[in-house]
Amino acid sequence: MDGVCQDRPRPERIGPVVHVKVVIRLREEALQSVQESASVYRQLAAEVPAAFRDALAARLNNLGVVQASMGLFEEALQCTLEAVSLRRQLAAEEPEAFLPALATSLGNLGNRRSALGQLDEALQCALEAVFLRRKLAANNTEEFLTDLAASLSNLSNVQHLMGLSLE
């Protein structure tokens, strides 16, 4: 064959309604997979926290992203809050290793709060993420400058929304 997976319909061969159903099914499957992954890592982290807290935080962060993409904003907020909490603990223990991940989760938390209209809280998350990214970029510009730019973009989005809410 031509290397295309044969058990999934190709978008160009199906109608728009069927395509939407396929996309919805794939998102639901993705949600189930990441939920299961987070559940497994939650068990592992309960048994051996030092080895699996970071992996659990990463899965919770990813779960929040998937949930938000499906409009499950409250659920996404809860997962992202837990990821930030875990990453704060890790960063307190080993800042060099875990500050980048904390900044990422803070950016996601700001996005979750913004989606729920919690603009003051979103602003605080975005400001903290920018602060951390500036700190990281000051020590390693090449590795962290693009991350700083992304955090600044998130900050500007929240500031823009706050300006709109004042009009």
Foldseek 3Di string as FASTA:
>chain_A
DPPDDPVQDDPVPDDPVVVVVSVVVVLVVVLVVLVVQLVVLVVVCVVPVVVRLLVNLVSLQVNLVSCVVVVNLVSSLVSLVSSLVSLVVVCVVPVVVRLVVNLVSLLSNLVSCVVVVVLVSSLVSLVVSLVSLVVVCVVPVVVRVVVNVVSVVSNVVSVVVVVVVVD
